[in-house]
Amino acid sequence: MNQHTPPPPTDRWWWFGELATHRVRATQTNDALSIVEILAPPGLSVPPHIHDREDEVFVILEGGGTFRVGDRTVDAKPGDVLLGPRGVVHDYTVGPEGCRMLFIFTPGRNMESFIAESGVPASADTLPPAEIGPPEAEQLAGILQEHGLAFA
C-alpha cells in the first residue's frame, strides 16, 4: 500500500443522501479493508440493515448521531468508534450538526462495488442535490441481494 494516496476527484459518490469519498481502496490492502469518508446531513436516517459479508466500523470525526448496533444504542460524538459486526442489524440517525465519519469495511471490495452500483458519481465535494436519490426499489432490492445486504 502506498503511504499517501489522495483520492482522485472521481472517487466520490452521492450515496443515499450522503457524500461518500473513498480514502483507502480494497485494491491497496489486498482486500483486507476499505475506508470511506462519509459526509451526512443533519437528521438523515439510515434504516436498519444487515451485512452478511463484512464488518463495518464507524469512526466519528465531526458532529455525531444516534447509532444502534444490535440491541445497543449509542449517542456518538467525535472520537467515538463503533463496530457493526457482520450479521448484526445496525442503523443510525445523524444529529443536528450533521456528521463526518469514516466507514471501515473488512473486507472492503464488496462495499466499494455496492457504493458504485447504488450511488451516483459526485461532481463536487458537497452533499447530493435533492433530486439525486437512491435507486428505484426494485433495482435496489437486486443490488442489495447481490451484495449480501438486506434491510431488517
Protein backbone atom coordinates (compact mmCIF):
# COMPACT_ATOMS: atom_id res chain seq x y z
CA MET A 1 0.00 0.00 0.00
CA ASN A 2 1.24 3.49 -0.79
CA GLN A 3 1.92 5.55 2.32
CA HIS A 4 -0.02 8.50 0.93
CA THR A 5 -2.50 8.30 -1.90
CA PRO A 6 -5.03 11.12 -2.09
CA PRO A 7 -8.30 10.04 -3.69
CA PRO A 8 -8.84 11.18 -7.26
CA PRO A 9 -11.72 13.65 -7.68
CA THR A 10 -13.75 10.94 -9.42
CA ASP A 11 -13.59 8.66 -6.37
CA ARG A 12 -16.55 10.25 -4.63
CA TRP A 13 -20.21 9.28 -4.75
CA TRP A 14 -23.57 10.77 -3.86
CA TRP A 15 -24.96 7.82 -2.00
CA PHE A 16 -28.27 7.60 -0.10
CA GLY A 17 -28.26 11.31 0.76
CA GLU A 18 -24.58 11.36 1.78
CA LEU A 19 -21.26 12.16 0.14
CA ALA A 20 -19.03 9.06 0.16
CA THR A 21 -15.33 9.57 -0.67
CA HIS A 22 -13.03 6.56 -0.93
CA ARG A 23 -9.91 7.19 1.16
CA VAL A 24 -8.34 3.72 1.02
CA ARG A 25 -9.35 1.25 -1.66
CA ALA A 26 -9.54 -2.51 -1.19
CA THR A 27 -7.03 -2.89 -4.02
CA GLN A 28 -4.49 -1.01 -1.88
CA THR A 29 -4.89 -3.50 1.00
CA ASN A 30 -5.26 -6.83 -0.82
CA ASP A 31 -8.99 -6.56 0.06
CA ALA A 32 -8.26 -6.52 3.80
CA LEU A 33 -10.25 -3.29 4.20
CA SER A 34 -11.70 -0.22 2.59
CA ILE A 35 -12.05 3.21 4.18
CA VAL A 36 -14.79 5.57 3.03
CA GLU A 37 -15.25 9.09 4.38
CA ILE A 38 -18.92 9.98 4.79
CA LEU A 39 -20.45 13.44 4.98
CA ALA A 40 -24.05 13.18 6.19
CA PRO A 41 -26.61 15.97 6.59
CA PRO A 42 -28.45 16.74 9.83
CA GLY A 43 -31.34 14.38 10.54
CA LEU A 44 -30.52 11.78 7.89
CA SER A 45 -31.74 8.33 8.95
CA VAL A 46 -30.25 5.13 7.60
CA PRO A 47 -32.75 2.30 8.05
CA PRO A 48 -31.93 -0.88 9.96
CA HIS A 49 -29.88 -3.15 7.74
CA ILE A 50 -27.52 -6.10 7.93
CA HIS A 51 -24.30 -7.09 6.16
CA ASP A 52 -23.62 -10.78 5.52
CA ARG A 53 -20.09 -10.34 4.11
CA GLU A 54 -18.26 -7.63 6.02
CA ASP A 55 -17.80 -5.95 9.36
CA GLU A 56 -18.30 -2.18 9.48
CA VAL A 57 -16.51 0.24 11.79
CA PHE A 58 -17.76 3.80 12.29
CA VAL A 59 -15.25 6.47 13.35
CA ILE A 60 -16.92 9.78 14.20
CA LEU A 61 -14.80 12.76 13.12
CA GLU A 62 -17.22 15.70 13.42
CA GLY A 63 -20.81 16.08 14.55
CA GLY A 64 -22.47 12.86 15.58
CA GLY A 65 -25.69 10.94 15.81
CA THR A 66 -27.52 8.07 17.38
CA PHE A 67 -26.24 4.64 16.34
CA ARG A 68 -27.95 1.35 17.06
CA VAL A 69 -25.98 -1.88 16.74
CA GLY A 70 -27.92 -4.96 17.74
CA ASP A 71 -29.69 -4.09 21.00
CA ARG A 72 -27.26 -1.31 21.97
CA THR A 73 -27.89 2.39 21.24
CA VAL A 74 -25.11 4.99 21.47
CA ASP A 75 -25.21 8.77 21.12
CA ALA A 76 -21.92 9.05 19.24
CA LYS A 77 -19.68 12.12 19.24
CA PRO A 78 -16.29 12.99 17.71
CA GLY A 79 -13.66 10.44 18.68
CA ASP A 80 -16.13 7.61 19.20
CA VAL A 81 -15.57 4.31 17.37
CA LEU A 82 -18.38 1.79 16.92
CA LEU A 83 -18.32 -1.71 15.47
CA GLY A 84 -21.14 -3.14 13.37
CA PRO A 85 -20.20 -6.83 13.05
CA ARG A 86 -21.44 -8.77 10.05
CA GLY A 87 -24.73 -10.47 10.77
CA VAL A 88 -25.84 -7.82 13.31
CA VAL A 89 -28.57 -5.30 12.46
CA HIS A 90 -27.48 -1.67 12.69
CA ASP A 91 -28.73 1.80 11.78
CA TYR A 92 -28.12 5.44 12.59
CA THR A 93 -29.71 8.87 12.64
CA VAL A 94 -27.46 11.88 12.15
CA GLY A 95 -27.58 14.61 14.80
CA PRO A 96 -28.47 18.29 14.27
CA GLU A 97 -24.88 19.28 13.35
CA GLY A 98 -24.59 16.67 10.62
CA CYS A 99 -21.79 14.14 10.75
CA ARG A 100 -18.44 13.49 9.12
CA MET A 101 -17.21 9.97 9.77
CA LEU A 102 -15.18 7.12 8.39
CA PHE A 103 -16.67 3.78 7.46
CA ILE A 104 -14.09 1.00 7.57
CA PHE A 105 -15.25 -2.19 5.85
CA THR A 106 -13.46 -5.51 6.32
CA PRO A 107 -13.09 -6.94 3.76
CA GLY A 108 -13.56 -3.95 1.50
CA ARG A 109 -14.22 -4.84 -2.11
CA ASN A 110 -17.90 -5.80 -1.80
CA MET A 111 -18.98 -2.49 -0.26
CA GLU A 112 -16.97 -0.49 -2.77
CA SER A 113 -18.92 -2.23 -5.50
CA PHE A 114 -22.21 -1.63 -3.66
CA ILE A 115 -21.49 2.10 -3.37
CA ALA A 116 -20.71 2.34 -7.09
CA GLU A 117 -23.83 0.40 -8.11
CA SER A 118 -26.24 2.20 -5.78
CA GLY A 119 -24.71 5.69 -5.87
CA VAL A 120 -24.12 8.42 -8.43
CA PRO A 121 -20.64 9.80 -9.19
CA ALA A 122 -20.39 13.14 -7.35
CA SER A 123 -19.36 16.16 -9.36
CA ALA A 124 -18.43 18.16 -6.23
CA ASP A 125 -17.33 17.67 -2.62
CA THR A 126 -20.82 18.52 -1.39
CA LEU A 127 -23.90 16.74 -0.19
CA PRO A 128 -26.03 15.48 -3.09
CA PRO A 129 -28.62 17.71 -4.70
CA ALA A 130 -32.19 16.96 -3.58
CA GLU A 131 -33.10 15.38 -6.92
CA ILE A 132 -30.46 12.64 -6.55
CA GLY A 133 -31.86 9.75 -4.58
CA PRO A 134 -31.31 6.03 -4.21
CA PRO A 135 -32.12 3.58 -7.00
CA GLU A 136 -35.74 2.60 -7.56
CA ALA A 137 -36.99 -0.02 -5.07
CA GLU A 138 -36.91 -2.96 -7.50
CA GLN A 139 -33.40 -2.16 -8.71
CA LEU A 140 -32.20 -1.54 -5.15
CA ALA A 141 -33.56 -4.90 -3.99
CA GLY A 142 -31.44 -6.66 -6.62
CA ILE A 143 -28.32 -4.66 -5.75
CA LEU A 144 -28.76 -5.39 -2.03
CA GLN A 145 -29.19 -9.11 -2.64
CA GLU A 146 -26.18 -9.25 -4.97
CA HIS A 147 -24.01 -7.73 -2.23
CA GLY A 148 -25.28 -9.76 0.74
CA LEU A 149 -27.12 -6.81 2.29
CA ALA A 150 -30.70 -6.55 3.48
CA PHE A 151 -32.98 -4.08 5.20
CA ALA A 152 -34.11 -5.52 8.51
